[in-house]
């Protein structure tokens, strides 16, 4: 019997998406945001359902051409480093704030994935996070507590 690597990965992603969806429903929402069309739990819930849907499709639909994975060509070290960076990001985001931790997370991720153009790495991290934060905080009026921006006087 030949084990299909794609189906195993799809099953793992399906399980991960189910767990993520469960956790998304546990996200605390302010009372006044409970019935809002968009709140802190909206996007994670949609993301969880999308993960279930696409991984479920990959599981049930026939796979016309199985991909042969050469494990010696996979970069486990880079994957481990990215997981470590993500753990550090998750552990520091509440203390440091969204802006600085997300920008540094993206910057470090680009670096460990092999990008060495410093200007491009900077432009795809700090200004991008600034624009996204402005969209959330300035336009959608979603409050993000950010100790770093409060410390330097940008946010009140």
C-alpha atoms as a PDB file:
ATOM      1  CA  UNK A   1       0.000   0.000   0.000  1.00  0.00           C
ATOM      2  CA  UNK A   2       1.362   3.379  -1.049  1.00  0.00           C
ATOM      3  CA  UNK A   3       0.869   6.190   1.478  1.00  0.00           C
ATOM      4  CA  UNK A   4      -0.161   9.415  -0.213  1.00  0.00           C
ATOM      5  CA  UNK A   5       1.799  12.259   1.407  1.00  0.00           C
ATOM      6  CA  UNK A   6      -0.653  14.865   0.103  1.00  0.00           C
ATOM      7  CA  UNK A   7      -3.588  13.162   1.841  1.00  0.00           C
ATOM      8  CA  UNK A   8      -1.662  12.912   5.131  1.00  0.00           C
ATOM      9  CA  UNK A   9      -0.760  16.607   4.996  1.00  0.00           C
ATOM     10  CA  UNK A  10      -4.377  17.461   4.117  1.00  0.00           C
ATOM     11  CA  UNK A  11      -5.626  15.435   7.077  1.00  0.00           C
ATOM     12  CA  UNK A  12      -3.172  17.167   9.421  1.00  0.00           C
ATOM     13  CA  UNK A  13      -4.244  20.557   8.071  1.00  0.00           C
ATOM     14  CA  UNK A  14      -7.912  19.576   8.513  1.00  0.00           C
ATOM     15  CA  UNK A  15      -7.261  18.681  12.176  1.00  0.00           C
ATOM     16  CA  UNK A  16      -5.275  21.893  12.679  1.00  0.00           C
ATOM     17  CA  UNK A  17      -8.095  23.951  11.098  1.00  0.00           C
ATOM     18  CA  UNK A  18     -10.698  22.283  13.337  1.00  0.00           C
ATOM     19  CA  UNK A  19      -8.628  23.088  16.433  1.00  0.00           C
ATOM     20  CA  UNK A  20      -8.055  26.649  15.188  1.00  0.00           C
ATOM     21  CA  UNK A  21     -11.789  27.091  14.584  1.00  0.00           C
ATOM     22  CA  UNK A  22     -12.549  25.832  18.092  1.00  0.00           C
ATOM     23  CA  UNK A  23     -10.075  28.348  19.543  1.00  0.00           C
ATOM     24  CA  UNK A  24     -11.486  31.134  17.340  1.00  0.00           C
ATOM     25  CA  UNK A  25     -14.878  30.681  18.973  1.00  0.00           C
ATOM     26  CA  UNK A  26     -13.171  31.076  22.382  1.00  0.00           C
ATOM     27  CA  UNK A  27     -11.847  34.566  21.578  1.00  0.00           C
ATOM     28  CA  UNK A  28     -13.187  37.115  24.049  1.00  0.00           C
ATOM     29  CA  UNK A  29     -15.205  39.918  22.478  1.00  0.00           C
ATOM     30  CA  UNK A  30     -16.286  43.121  24.174  1.00  0.00           C
ATOM     31  CA  UNK A  31     -19.999  43.203  24.994  1.00  0.00           C
ATOM     32  CA  UNK A  32     -20.625  46.126  22.647  1.00  0.00           C
ATOM     33  CA  UNK A  33     -18.877  44.233  19.805  1.00  0.00           C
ATOM     34  CA  UNK A  34     -20.825  41.002  20.268  1.00  0.00           C
ATOM     35  CA  UNK A  35     -23.362  41.731  17.497  1.00  0.00           C
ATOM     36  CA  UNK A  36     -21.099  43.874  15.329  1.00  0.00           C
ATOM     37  CA  UNK A  37     -20.678  42.682  11.734  1.00  0.00           C
ATOM     38  CA  UNK A  38     -16.897  42.486  12.251  1.00  0.00           C
ATOM     39  CA  UNK A  39     -15.237  41.839  15.604  1.00  0.00           C
ATOM     40  CA  UNK A  40     -12.113  40.151  16.985  1.00  0.00           C
ATOM     41  CA  UNK A  41     -13.434  36.674  16.275  1.00  0.00           C
ATOM     42  CA  UNK A  42     -14.875  37.205  12.758  1.00  0.00           C
ATOM     43  CA  UNK A  43     -11.749  36.763  10.623  1.00  0.00           C
ATOM     44  CA  UNK A  44     -10.328  33.830  12.627  1.00  0.00           C
ATOM     45  CA  UNK A  45     -13.666  32.006  12.350  1.00  0.00           C
ATOM     46  CA  UNK A  46     -13.816  32.513   8.570  1.00  0.00           C
ATOM     47  CA  UNK A  47     -10.187  31.440   8.298  1.00  0.00           C
ATOM     48  CA  UNK A  48     -10.927  28.266  10.265  1.00  0.00           C
ATOM     49  CA  UNK A  49     -13.880  27.381   8.056  1.00  0.00           C
ATOM     50  CA  UNK A  50     -11.828  28.075   4.915  1.00  0.00           C
ATOM     51  CA  UNK A  51      -9.084  25.763   6.197  1.00  0.00           C
ATOM     52  CA  UNK A  52     -11.633  23.014   6.898  1.00  0.00           C
ATOM     53  CA  UNK A  53     -13.240  23.481   3.486  1.00  0.00           C
ATOM     54  CA  UNK A  54     -10.072  23.417   1.374  1.00  0.00           C
ATOM     55  CA  UNK A  55      -8.318  20.657   3.307  1.00  0.00           C
ATOM     56  CA  UNK A  56     -11.565  18.649   3.245  1.00  0.00           C
ATOM     57  CA  UNK A  57     -11.769  19.070  -0.525  1.00  0.00           C
ATOM     58  CA  UNK A  58      -8.183  17.921  -0.891  1.00  0.00           C
ATOM     59  CA  UNK A  59      -8.993  14.879   1.255  1.00  0.00           C
ATOM     60  CA  UNK A  60     -12.113  13.737  -0.589  1.00  0.00           C
ATOM     61  CA  UNK A  61     -11.283  14.624  -4.186  1.00  0.00           C
ATOM     62  CA  UNK A  62      -9.148  12.185  -6.161  1.00  0.00           C
ATOM     63  CA  UNK A  63      -5.501  13.122  -6.566  1.00  0.00           C
ATOM     64  CA  UNK A  64      -4.628  12.658 -10.267  1.00  0.00           C
ATOM     65  CA  UNK A  65      -0.874  12.930  -9.822  1.00  0.00           C
ATOM     66  CA  UNK A  66       0.751  12.116  -6.540  1.00  0.00           C
ATOM     67  CA  UNK A  67       3.703  14.303  -5.657  1.00  0.00           C
ATOM     68  CA  UNK A  68       6.801  12.383  -4.666  1.00  0.00           C
ATOM     69  CA  UNK A  69       8.412  14.173  -1.731  1.00  0.00           C
ATOM     70  CA  UNK A  70      12.171  13.864  -1.353  1.00  0.00           C
ATOM     71  CA  UNK A  71      12.694  14.364   2.371  1.00  0.00           C
ATOM     72  CA  UNK A  72      16.400  15.013   1.940  1.00  0.00           C
ATOM     73  CA  UNK A  73      15.535  18.154  -0.072  1.00  0.00           C
ATOM     74  CA  UNK A  74      13.252  19.612   2.592  1.00  0.00           C
ATOM     75  CA  UNK A  75      14.654  22.398   4.742  1.00  0.00           C
ATOM     76  CA  UNK A  76      13.791  21.293   8.263  1.00  0.00           C
ATOM     77  CA  UNK A  77      16.181  23.797   9.828  1.00  0.00           C
ATOM     78  CA  UNK A  78      14.369  26.774   8.239  1.00  0.00           C
ATOM     79  CA  UNK A  79      11.024  25.318   9.286  1.00  0.00           C
ATOM     80  CA  UNK A  80      12.236  24.914  12.870  1.00  0.00           C
ATOM     81  CA  UNK A  81      13.559  28.481  12.921  1.00  0.00           C
ATOM     82  CA  UNK A  82      10.234  29.831  11.612  1.00  0.00           C
ATOM     83  CA  UNK A  83       8.359  27.892  14.285  1.00  0.00           C
ATOM     84  CA  UNK A  84      10.695  29.312  16.935  1.00  0.00           C
ATOM     85  CA  UNK A  85      10.188  32.851  15.585  1.00  0.00           C
ATOM     86  CA  UNK A  86       6.407  32.332  15.647  1.00  0.00           C
ATOM     87  CA  UNK A  87       6.559  31.126  19.272  1.00  0.00           C
ATOM     88  CA  UNK A  88       8.620  34.169  20.258  1.00  0.00           C
ATOM     89  CA  UNK A  89       6.134  36.381  18.381  1.00  0.00           C
ATOM     90  CA  UNK A  90       3.189  34.850  20.236  1.00  0.00           C
ATOM     91  CA  UNK A  91       4.953  35.205  23.576  1.00  0.00           C
ATOM     92  CA  UNK A  92       5.864  38.882  23.099  1.00  0.00           C
ATOM     93  CA  UNK A  93       2.963  40.458  21.197  1.00  0.00           C
ATOM     94  CA  UNK A  94       0.940  41.361  24.305  1.00  0.00           C
ATOM     95  CA  UNK A  95       3.899  42.819  26.177  1.00  0.00           C
ATOM     96  CA  UNK A  96       5.589  44.695  23.328  1.00  0.00           C
ATOM     97  CA  UNK A  97       2.612  45.382  21.049  1.00  0.00           C
ATOM     98  CA  UNK A  98       1.328  44.528  17.601  1.00  0.00           C
ATOM     99  CA  UNK A  99       3.342  47.021  15.553  1.00  0.00           C
ATOM    100  CA  UNK A 100       6.877  46.205  16.682  1.00  0.00           C
ATOM    101  CA  UNK A 101       6.462  42.446  17.171  1.00  0.00           C
ATOM    102  CA  UNK A 102       4.692  41.890  13.851  1.00  0.00           C
ATOM    103  CA  UNK A 103       7.203  44.040  11.959  1.00  0.00           C
ATOM    104  CA  UNK A 104      10.154  42.225  13.536  1.00  0.00           C
ATOM    105  CA  UNK A 105       8.466  38.845  12.978  1.00  0.00           C
ATOM    106  CA  UNK A 106       8.081  39.570   9.260  1.00  0.00           C
ATOM    107  CA  UNK A 107      11.599  40.999   8.986  1.00  0.00           C
ATOM    108  CA  UNK A 108      13.156  37.959  10.708  1.00  0.00           C
ATOM    109  CA  UNK A 109      11.050  35.554   8.650  1.00  0.00           C
ATOM    110  CA  UNK A 110      12.197  37.129   5.387  1.00  0.00           C
ATOM    111  CA  UNK A 111      15.807  36.924   6.553  1.00  0.00           C
ATOM    112  CA  UNK A 112      15.658  33.248   7.574  1.00  0.00           C
ATOM    113  CA  UNK A 113      13.873  32.339   4.345  1.00  0.00           C
ATOM    114  CA  UNK A 114      16.862  33.673   2.429  1.00  0.00           C
ATOM    115  CA  UNK A 115      16.002  37.249   1.505  1.00  0.00           C
ATOM    116  CA  UNK A 116      19.010  39.577   1.828  1.00  0.00           C
ATOM    117  CA  UNK A 117      17.742  42.794   0.229  1.00  0.00           C
ATOM    118  CA  UNK A 118      17.466  44.888   3.397  1.00  0.00           C
ATOM    119  CA  UNK A 119      15.394  47.667   1.844  1.00  0.00           C
ATOM    120  CA  UNK A 120      12.845  45.198   0.481  1.00  0.00           C
ATOM    121  CA  UNK A 121      12.707  43.378   3.828  1.00  0.00           C
ATOM    122  CA  UNK A 122      12.123  46.677   5.604  1.00  0.00           C
ATOM    123  CA  UNK A 123       9.461  47.860   3.130  1.00  0.00           C
ATOM    124  CA  UNK A 124       7.556  44.575   3.353  1.00  0.00           C
ATOM    125  CA  UNK A 125       7.545  44.616   7.134  1.00  0.00           C
ATOM    126  CA  UNK A 126       7.395  48.005   8.877  1.00  0.00           C
ATOM    127  CA  UNK A 127       5.389  50.091   6.328  1.00  0.00           C
ATOM    128  CA  UNK A 128       3.119  47.128   5.564  1.00  0.00           C
ATOM    129  CA  UNK A 129       2.319  46.622   9.251  1.00  0.00           C
ATOM    130  CA  UNK A 130       1.826  50.376   9.622  1.00  0.00           C
ATOM    131  CA  UNK A 131      -0.709  50.383   6.771  1.00  0.00           C
ATOM    132  CA  UNK A 132      -2.502  47.329   8.131  1.00  0.00           C
ATOM    133  CA  UNK A 133      -2.603  48.784  11.631  1.00  0.00           C
ATOM    134  CA  UNK A 134      -3.979  52.057  10.256  1.00  0.00           C
ATOM    135  CA  UNK A 135      -6.664  50.080   8.423  1.00  0.00           C
ATOM    136  CA  UNK A 136      -7.659  48.242  11.605  1.00  0.00           C
ATOM    137  CA  UNK A 137      -7.284  51.084  14.094  1.00  0.00           C
ATOM    138  CA  UNK A 138      -7.936  54.171  11.978  1.00  0.00           C
ATOM    139  CA  UNK A 139     -10.546  53.062   9.466  1.00  0.00           C
ATOM    140  CA  UNK A 140     -12.298  50.023  10.970  1.00  0.00           C
ATOM    141  CA  UNK A 141     -12.027  51.473  14.493  1.00  0.00           C
ATOM    142  CA  UNK A 142     -10.726  48.199  15.965  1.00  0.00           C
ATOM    143  CA  UNK A 143      -8.703  49.026  19.041  1.00  0.00           C
ATOM    144  CA  UNK A 144      -5.299  47.376  19.266  1.00  0.00           C
ATOM    145  CA  UNK A 145      -3.537  47.843  22.571  1.00  0.00           C
ATOM    146  CA  UNK A 146       0.072  48.588  21.707  1.00  0.00           C
ATOM    147  CA  UNK A 147       2.440  49.324  24.621  1.00  0.00           C
ATOM    148  CA  UNK A 148       5.323  50.275  22.296  1.00  0.00           C
ATOM    149  CA  UNK A 149       3.315  52.879  20.356  1.00  0.00           C
ATOM    150  CA  UNK A 150       1.898  54.196  23.630  1.00  0.00           C
ATOM    151  CA  UNK A 151       5.421  54.482  25.035  1.00  0.00           C
ATOM    152  CA  UNK A 152       6.648  56.600  22.117  1.00  0.00           C
ATOM    153  CA  UNK A 153       3.433  58.666  22.141  1.00  0.00           C
ATOM    154  CA  UNK A 154       1.908  57.603  18.813  1.00  0.00           C
ATOM    155  CA  UNK A 155      -1.185  55.997  20.350  1.00  0.00           C
ATOM    156  CA  UNK A 156      -3.111  57.178  23.375  1.00  0.00           C
END
